Amino acid sequence: MGTNKTFARQRIKRRVRGKVQGTAERPRLSVFRSNKQIYAQVIDDLSGRTLVSATSLGQESVKAMTKLEQAAWVGKQIASHAKNAGIDAVVFDRNGYLYHGRVKQLADAAREGGLNF
């Protein structure tokens, strides 16, 4: 049984996902944040495949960083991985989280890395 906060996020997530869909030309950049880590995936929803991903989990270079710095690092990583895979434009899926704090930091770093959304 989840908390009311979890249920509220899931409800928002469903509402956002109804409007945001990734295609092969413009895949979806999905963000997940836990209490300690942050994860990002670029997903083609039509084929159901994750094209590239980046995470702060298990990275020795990020252990000394703050969570905001980790989010920026993951944003830069996802942008560079996407560029290497030939992806320039994505649609941003905040996954029910507020566009604030770590989610915003990741998005801004991905934009600086060259992703368009």
N, C-alpha and C. Protein backbone atom coordinates (compact mmCIF):
# COMPACT_ATOMS: atom_id res chain seq x y z
N MET A 1 0.84 -1.18 0.00
CA MET A 1 0.00 0.00 0.00
C MET A 1 0.88 1.24 0.00
N GLY A 2 0.70 2.12 -0.96
CA GLY A 2 1.50 3.33 -1.06
C GLY A 2 0.91 4.46 -0.24
N THR A 3 1.64 5.52 -0.19
CA THR A 3 1.18 6.69 0.55
C THR A 3 0.31 7.56 -0.34
N ASN A 4 -0.35 8.53 0.25
CA ASN A 4 -1.16 9.45 -0.53
C ASN A 4 -0.31 10.23 -1.51
N LYS A 5 0.93 10.55 -1.11
CA LYS A 5 1.85 11.26 -1.99
C LYS A 5 2.18 10.42 -3.23
N THR A 6 2.40 9.13 -3.02
CA THR A 6 2.70 8.22 -4.13
C THR A 6 1.50 8.11 -5.06
N PHE A 7 0.31 7.98 -4.50
CA PHE A 7 -0.88 7.89 -5.33
C PHE A 7 -1.12 9.17 -6.12
N ALA A 8 -0.86 10.30 -5.50
CA ALA A 8 -1.02 11.58 -6.19
C ALA A 8 -0.05 11.67 -7.36
N ARG A 9 1.20 11.24 -7.16
CA ARG A 9 2.18 11.28 -8.24
C ARG A 9 1.76 10.34 -9.37
N GLN A 10 1.26 9.17 -9.03
CA GLN A 10 0.83 8.22 -10.05
C GLN A 10 -0.34 8.78 -10.87
N ARG A 11 -1.24 9.50 -10.21
CA ARG A 11 -2.37 10.11 -10.91
C ARG A 11 -1.88 11.19 -11.88
N ILE A 12 -0.96 12.03 -11.41
CA ILE A 12 -0.39 13.06 -12.27
C ILE A 12 0.38 12.43 -13.42
N LYS A 13 1.11 11.36 -13.12
CA LYS A 13 1.90 10.64 -14.13
C LYS A 13 1.00 10.12 -15.26
N ARG A 14 -0.13 9.53 -14.89
CA ARG A 14 -1.06 9.03 -15.91
C ARG A 14 -1.60 10.16 -16.77
N ARG A 15 -1.90 11.29 -16.14
CA ARG A 15 -2.42 12.43 -16.88
C ARG A 15 -1.37 12.98 -17.86
N VAL A 16 -0.14 13.10 -17.39
CA VAL A 16 0.94 13.61 -18.25
C VAL A 16 1.23 12.61 -19.38
N ARG A 17 1.26 11.32 -19.06
CA ARG A 17 1.60 10.30 -20.05
C ARG A 17 0.55 10.22 -21.15
N GLY A 18 -0.68 10.63 -20.85
CA GLY A 18 -1.72 10.66 -21.87
C GLY A 18 -1.45 11.71 -22.92
N LYS A 19 -0.69 12.73 -22.56
CA LYS A 19 -0.40 13.83 -23.48
C LYS A 19 0.98 13.72 -24.11
N VAL A 20 1.89 12.99 -23.47
CA VAL A 20 3.28 12.92 -23.90
C VAL A 20 3.56 11.51 -24.40
N GLN A 21 3.97 11.41 -25.67
CA GLN A 21 4.34 10.11 -26.22
C GLN A 21 5.59 10.26 -27.05
N GLY A 22 6.51 9.32 -26.90
CA GLY A 22 7.76 9.36 -27.64
C GLY A 22 7.64 8.59 -28.93
N THR A 23 8.20 9.14 -30.00
CA THR A 23 8.24 8.47 -31.30
C THR A 23 9.70 8.22 -31.66
N ALA A 24 9.92 7.58 -32.80
CA ALA A 24 11.29 7.32 -33.24
C ALA A 24 12.00 8.63 -33.56
N GLU A 25 11.27 9.60 -34.13
CA GLU A 25 11.88 10.88 -34.49
C GLU A 25 12.09 11.76 -33.25
N ARG A 26 11.17 11.68 -32.30
CA ARG A 26 11.22 12.52 -31.10
C ARG A 26 10.86 11.66 -29.89
N PRO A 27 11.85 10.90 -29.35
CA PRO A 27 11.55 10.02 -28.23
C PRO A 27 11.29 10.79 -26.93
N ARG A 28 10.84 10.06 -25.93
CA ARG A 28 10.47 10.64 -24.64
C ARG A 28 11.64 10.53 -23.67
N LEU A 29 12.00 11.65 -23.04
CA LEU A 29 13.02 11.67 -21.99
C LEU A 29 12.30 11.56 -20.66
N SER A 30 12.37 10.39 -20.05
CA SER A 30 11.66 10.12 -18.80
C SER A 30 12.63 10.21 -17.62
N VAL A 31 12.20 10.86 -16.55
CA VAL A 31 13.02 11.06 -15.37
C VAL A 31 12.39 10.33 -14.19
N PHE A 32 13.21 9.61 -13.44
CA PHE A 32 12.76 9.01 -12.19
C PHE A 32 13.73 9.42 -11.11
N ARG A 33 13.20 9.87 -9.98
CA ARG A 33 14.08 10.20 -8.88
C ARG A 33 13.64 9.43 -7.64
N SER A 34 14.62 8.84 -6.99
CA SER A 34 14.37 8.22 -5.70
C SER A 34 14.93 9.17 -4.64
N ASN A 35 14.92 8.75 -3.40
CA ASN A 35 15.44 9.61 -2.35
C ASN A 35 16.94 9.85 -2.50
N LYS A 36 17.66 8.86 -3.04
CA LYS A 36 19.12 8.97 -3.11
C LYS A 36 19.66 9.10 -4.53
N GLN A 37 18.97 8.58 -5.52
CA GLN A 37 19.49 8.53 -6.89
C GLN A 37 18.55 9.23 -7.85
N ILE A 38 19.05 9.43 -9.08
CA ILE A 38 18.20 9.97 -10.16
C ILE A 38 18.54 9.20 -11.43
N TYR A 39 17.53 8.93 -12.23
CA TYR A 39 17.66 8.12 -13.43
C TYR A 39 16.99 8.84 -14.59
N ALA A 40 17.52 8.65 -15.79
CA ALA A 40 16.90 9.23 -16.99
C ALA A 40 16.98 8.20 -18.11
N GLN A 41 15.91 8.13 -18.90
CA GLN A 41 15.86 7.21 -20.04
C GLN A 41 15.28 7.96 -21.22
N VAL A 42 15.79 7.64 -22.41
CA VAL A 42 15.18 8.13 -23.65
C VAL A 42 14.47 6.93 -24.27
N ILE A 43 13.15 7.05 -24.43
CA ILE A 43 12.31 5.90 -24.78
C ILE A 43 11.54 6.17 -26.06
N ASP A 44 11.52 5.18 -26.96
CA ASP A 44 10.65 5.20 -28.14
C ASP A 44 9.41 4.40 -27.77
N ASP A 45 8.30 5.09 -27.54
CA ASP A 45 7.08 4.41 -27.07
C ASP A 45 6.43 3.56 -28.15
N LEU A 46 6.64 3.90 -29.42
CA LEU A 46 6.00 3.13 -30.49
C LEU A 46 6.57 1.72 -30.56
N SER A 47 7.88 1.58 -30.40
CA SER A 47 8.48 0.25 -30.43
C SER A 47 8.67 -0.32 -29.02
N GLY A 48 8.46 0.53 -27.99
CA GLY A 48 8.59 0.06 -26.61
C GLY A 48 10.03 -0.19 -26.20
N ARG A 49 10.97 0.55 -26.76
CA ARG A 49 12.39 0.32 -26.49
C ARG A 49 13.01 1.53 -25.78
N THR A 50 13.91 1.24 -24.85
CA THR A 50 14.74 2.29 -24.26
C THR A 50 15.94 2.46 -25.16
N LEU A 51 16.14 3.67 -25.67
CA LEU A 51 17.22 3.93 -26.61
C LEU A 51 18.53 4.21 -25.89
N VAL A 52 18.51 5.10 -24.90
CA VAL A 52 19.69 5.38 -24.08
C VAL A 52 19.24 5.65 -22.66
N SER A 53 20.16 5.49 -21.71
CA SER A 53 19.83 5.76 -20.32
C SER A 53 21.06 6.27 -19.59
N ALA A 54 20.83 6.94 -18.47
CA ALA A 54 21.91 7.41 -17.61
C ALA A 54 21.40 7.39 -16.18
N THR A 55 22.30 7.16 -15.24
CA THR A 55 21.91 7.07 -13.84
C THR A 55 23.05 7.54 -12.95
N SER A 56 22.70 7.95 -11.76
CA SER A 56 23.71 8.32 -10.77
C SER A 56 24.09 7.11 -9.91
N LEU A 57 23.40 6.01 -10.10
CA LEU A 57 23.60 4.82 -9.28
C LEU A 57 24.96 4.17 -9.56
N GLY A 58 25.74 3.95 -8.52
CA GLY A 58 26.99 3.22 -8.65
C GLY A 58 28.12 3.98 -9.33
N GLN A 59 27.98 5.26 -9.53
CA GLN A 59 29.04 6.05 -10.15
C GLN A 59 29.95 6.59 -9.06
N GLU A 60 31.21 6.21 -9.11
CA GLU A 60 32.16 6.66 -8.08
C GLU A 60 32.36 8.17 -8.13
N SER A 61 32.32 8.73 -9.34
CA SER A 61 32.58 10.16 -9.49
C SER A 61 31.47 11.04 -8.92
N VAL A 62 30.28 10.48 -8.70
CA VAL A 62 29.16 11.28 -8.22
C VAL A 62 28.89 11.13 -6.73
N LYS A 63 29.59 10.23 -6.07
CA LYS A 63 29.28 9.98 -4.66
C LYS A 63 29.54 11.20 -3.78
N ALA A 64 30.52 12.03 -4.12
CA ALA A 64 30.85 13.20 -3.31
C ALA A 64 29.99 14.42 -3.66
N MET A 65 29.18 14.31 -4.71
CA MET A 65 28.36 15.44 -5.16
C MET A 65 27.07 15.54 -4.35
N THR A 66 26.49 16.75 -4.38
CA THR A 66 25.15 16.91 -3.81
C THR A 66 24.15 16.31 -4.79
N LYS A 67 22.91 16.16 -4.35
CA LYS A 67 21.89 15.55 -5.23
C LYS A 67 21.60 16.44 -6.43
N LEU A 68 21.66 17.77 -6.26
CA LEU A 68 21.45 18.68 -7.40
C LEU A 68 22.58 18.54 -8.41
N GLU A 69 23.81 18.41 -7.93
CA GLU A 69 24.96 18.23 -8.82
C GLU A 69 24.87 16.88 -9.53
N GLN A 70 24.40 15.85 -8.83
CA GLN A 70 24.21 14.54 -9.45
C GLN A 70 23.20 14.62 -10.58
N ALA A 71 22.10 15.37 -10.35
CA ALA A 71 21.07 15.51 -11.37
C ALA A 71 21.63 16.20 -12.60
N ALA A 72 22.44 17.24 -12.41
CA ALA A 72 23.06 17.94 -13.54
C ALA A 72 24.01 17.01 -14.27
N TRP A 73 24.75 16.19 -13.53
CA TRP A 73 25.68 15.25 -14.16
C TRP A 73 24.94 14.23 -15.01
N VAL A 74 23.83 13.71 -14.48
CA VAL A 74 23.02 12.74 -15.23
C VAL A 74 22.42 13.40 -16.48
N GLY A 75 22.00 14.67 -16.37
CA GLY A 75 21.48 15.39 -17.52
C GLY A 75 22.51 15.53 -18.63
N LYS A 76 23.75 15.83 -18.24
CA LYS A 76 24.82 15.93 -19.25
C LYS A 76 25.11 14.57 -19.87
N GLN A 77 25.09 13.52 -19.04
CA GLN A 77 25.34 12.17 -19.53
C GLN A 77 24.26 11.72 -20.53
N ILE A 78 23.00 11.97 -20.19
CA ILE A 78 21.92 11.53 -21.08
C ILE A 78 21.98 12.30 -22.39
N ALA A 79 22.36 13.58 -22.33
CA ALA A 79 22.49 14.37 -23.56
C ALA A 79 23.62 13.84 -24.43
N SER A 80 24.74 13.51 -23.83
CA SER A 80 25.86 13.02 -24.64
C SER A 80 25.56 11.63 -25.21
N HIS A 81 24.91 10.76 -24.42
CA HIS A 81 24.54 9.43 -24.93
C HIS A 81 23.53 9.57 -26.08
N ALA A 82 22.57 10.48 -25.92
CA ALA A 82 21.57 10.69 -26.97
C ALA A 82 22.21 11.23 -28.24
N LYS A 83 23.15 12.16 -28.09
CA LYS A 83 23.85 12.71 -29.25
C LYS A 83 24.60 11.60 -29.99
N ASN A 84 25.26 10.71 -29.23
CA ASN A 84 25.99 9.60 -29.84
C ASN A 84 25.05 8.65 -30.57
N ALA A 85 23.80 8.55 -30.10
CA ALA A 85 22.81 7.68 -30.74
C ALA A 85 22.08 8.39 -31.87
N GLY A 86 22.42 9.66 -32.13
CA GLY A 86 21.80 10.41 -33.22
C GLY A 86 20.47 11.04 -32.86
N ILE A 87 20.23 11.27 -31.56
CA ILE A 87 18.98 11.86 -31.11
C ILE A 87 19.23 13.32 -30.75
N ASP A 88 18.50 14.23 -31.41
CA ASP A 88 18.66 15.66 -31.13
C ASP A 88 17.48 16.24 -30.37
N ALA A 89 16.27 15.74 -30.64
CA ALA A 89 15.06 16.31 -30.06
C ALA A 89 14.30 15.23 -29.28
N VAL A 90 13.81 15.61 -28.11
CA VAL A 90 13.03 14.71 -27.27
C VAL A 90 11.82 15.46 -26.73
N VAL A 91 10.86 14.71 -26.19
CA VAL A 91 9.79 15.32 -25.40
C VAL A 91 10.10 14.97 -23.94
N PHE A 92 9.91 15.93 -23.05
CA PHE A 92 10.30 15.75 -21.66
C PHE A 92 9.13 15.21 -20.85
N ASP A 93 9.37 14.11 -20.15
CA ASP A 93 8.37 13.49 -19.28
C ASP A 93 8.87 13.60 -17.85
N ARG A 94 8.26 14.48 -17.07
CA ARG A 94 8.71 14.69 -15.70
C ARG A 94 8.18 13.60 -14.77
N ASN A 95 7.36 12.70 -15.30
CA ASN A 95 6.95 11.49 -14.60
C ASN A 95 6.14 11.76 -13.33
N GLY A 96 5.37 12.85 -13.31
CA GLY A 96 4.54 13.16 -12.16
C GLY A 96 5.22 14.01 -11.11
N TYR A 97 6.52 14.26 -11.28
CA TYR A 97 7.24 15.12 -10.33
C TYR A 97 7.06 16.57 -10.73
N LEU A 98 7.18 17.47 -9.75
CA LEU A 98 7.15 18.89 -10.05
C LEU A 98 8.39 19.26 -10.85
N TYR A 99 8.24 20.20 -11.78
CA TYR A 99 9.38 20.68 -12.55
C TYR A 99 10.13 21.66 -11.67
N HIS A 100 10.95 21.12 -10.78
CA HIS A 100 11.55 21.91 -9.72
C HIS A 100 12.70 21.10 -9.15
N GLY A 101 13.71 21.73 -8.63
CA GLY A 101 14.78 21.02 -7.96
C GLY A 101 15.58 20.13 -8.88
N ARG A 102 15.69 18.84 -8.51
CA ARG A 102 16.53 17.90 -9.26
C ARG A 102 16.02 17.65 -10.66
N VAL A 103 14.70 17.61 -10.83
CA VAL A 103 14.12 17.38 -12.16
C VAL A 103 14.46 18.55 -13.08
N LYS A 104 14.33 19.76 -12.59
CA LYS A 104 14.66 20.96 -13.38
C LYS A 104 16.15 21.01 -13.68
N GLN A 105 16.97 20.65 -12.70
CA GLN A 105 18.43 20.65 -12.88
C GLN A 105 18.83 19.68 -13.98
N LEU A 106 18.24 18.49 -13.98
CA LEU A 106 18.53 17.49 -15.01
C LEU A 106 18.10 18.01 -16.38
N ALA A 107 16.93 18.61 -16.46
CA ALA A 107 16.41 19.12 -17.73
C ALA A 107 17.30 20.24 -18.26
N ASP A 108 17.71 21.16 -17.40
CA ASP A 108 18.56 22.26 -17.83
C ASP A 108 19.93 21.75 -18.33
N ALA A 109 20.50 20.77 -17.63
CA ALA A 109 21.78 20.21 -18.04
C ALA A 109 21.65 19.47 -19.37
N ALA A 110 20.53 18.78 -19.59
CA ALA A 110 20.32 18.09 -20.86
C ALA A 110 20.18 19.10 -22.00
N ARG A 111 19.52 20.22 -21.73
CA ARG A 111 19.42 21.28 -22.75
C ARG A 111 20.80 21.85 -23.07
N GLU A 112 21.60 22.09 -22.04
CA GLU A 112 22.96 22.59 -22.25
C GLU A 112 23.80 21.60 -23.04
N GLY A 113 23.51 20.31 -22.85
CA GLY A 113 24.23 19.26 -23.56
C GLY A 113 23.81 19.14 -25.02
N GLY A 114 22.76 19.86 -25.43
CA GLY A 114 22.39 19.88 -26.83
C GLY A 114 21.05 19.24 -27.18
N LEU A 115 20.32 18.73 -26.19
CA LEU A 115 19.01 18.16 -26.48
C LEU A 115 17.98 19.27 -26.62
N ASN A 116 17.07 19.15 -27.57
CA ASN A 116 16.01 20.13 -27.78
C ASN A 116 14.71 19.58 -27.24
N PHE A 117 14.09 20.34 -26.32
CA PHE A 117 12.74 20.03 -25.83
C PHE A 117 12.16 21.24 -25.16
